[in-house]
Amino acid sequence: MRNGMNRSEIKAGLRVAIVLKEEQCTGKLTEGIVQDILTKSLTHSHGIKVRLASGAVGRVKEIQGQ
Protein backbone atom coordinates (compact mmCIF):
# COMPACT_ATOMS: atom_id res chain seq x y z
CA MET A 1 0.00 0.00 0.00
CA ARG A 2 1.36 3.41 -0.95
CA ASN A 3 1.61 6.28 1.51
CA GLY A 4 0.25 9.71 0.66
CA MET A 5 3.43 11.79 0.57
CA ASN A 6 3.74 12.19 -3.22
CA ARG A 7 1.20 14.38 -5.02
CA SER A 8 1.77 12.46 -8.29
CA GLU A 9 0.25 9.30 -6.74
CA ILE A 10 -3.04 11.00 -5.83
CA LYS A 11 -5.82 11.70 -8.33
CA ALA A 12 -9.46 12.73 -8.05
CA GLY A 13 -11.67 9.65 -7.75
CA LEU A 14 -9.07 7.61 -5.86
CA ARG A 15 -10.07 5.84 -2.62
CA VAL A 16 -7.82 6.94 0.25
CA ALA A 17 -7.63 7.01 4.04
CA ILE A 18 -6.95 10.41 5.59
CA VAL A 19 -6.34 11.71 9.09
CA LEU A 20 -8.48 14.73 9.97
CA LYS A 21 -6.77 17.62 11.77
CA GLU A 22 -8.81 17.03 14.92
CA GLU A 23 -7.85 13.32 14.86
CA GLN A 24 -4.08 13.81 14.43
CA CYS A 25 -3.38 12.97 18.07
CA THR A 26 -5.38 9.70 17.89
CA GLY A 27 -4.37 8.76 14.34
CA LYS A 28 -7.96 7.70 13.51
CA LEU A 29 -8.35 7.32 9.73
CA THR A 30 -11.33 8.38 7.63
CA GLU A 31 -11.87 6.65 4.27
CA GLY A 32 -13.34 8.25 1.19
CA ILE A 33 -12.97 9.30 -2.43
CA VAL A 34 -10.67 12.23 -3.34
CA GLN A 35 -12.57 15.21 -4.72
CA ASP A 36 -9.85 17.89 -4.65
CA ILE A 37 -6.09 17.95 -3.98
CA LEU A 38 -5.33 20.93 -1.73
CA THR A 39 -1.52 20.66 -1.34
CA LYS A 40 0.31 22.49 -4.13
CA SER A 41 3.82 21.10 -3.50
CA LEU A 42 4.97 17.83 -5.09
CA THR A 43 5.60 16.14 -1.74
CA HIS A 44 4.71 16.70 1.90
CA SER A 45 6.24 14.90 4.86
CA HIS A 46 2.89 14.61 6.71
CA GLY A 47 0.88 13.60 3.64
CA ILE A 48 -0.85 15.44 0.81
CA LYS A 49 -3.91 17.40 1.98
CA VAL A 50 -7.13 16.52 0.13
CA ARG A 51 -10.87 17.13 0.30
CA LEU A 52 -13.00 14.01 0.10
CA ALA A 53 -16.34 13.76 -1.71
CA SER A 54 -17.95 13.84 1.77
CA GLY A 55 -16.39 17.27 2.39
CA ALA A 56 -13.88 16.00 4.98
CA VAL A 57 -10.40 17.58 4.71
CA GLY A 58 -7.23 15.87 5.88
CA ARG A 59 -3.84 14.44 4.97
CA VAL A 60 -3.55 11.19 3.03
CA LYS A 61 -2.04 8.35 5.07
CA GLU A 62 -2.96 5.39 2.80
CA ILE A 63 -3.83 5.06 -0.86
CA GLN A 64 -6.27 2.19 -1.22
CA GLY A 65 -7.06 2.26 -4.95
CA GLN A 66 -10.07 3.05 -7.10
Foldseek 3Di string as FASTA:
>chain_A
DDFAFFPVVDDFQFWFWFAAPVCPVVPDTDIATFDAFDDPDGGDPQATWTAGPVRGIGGTGGGDGD
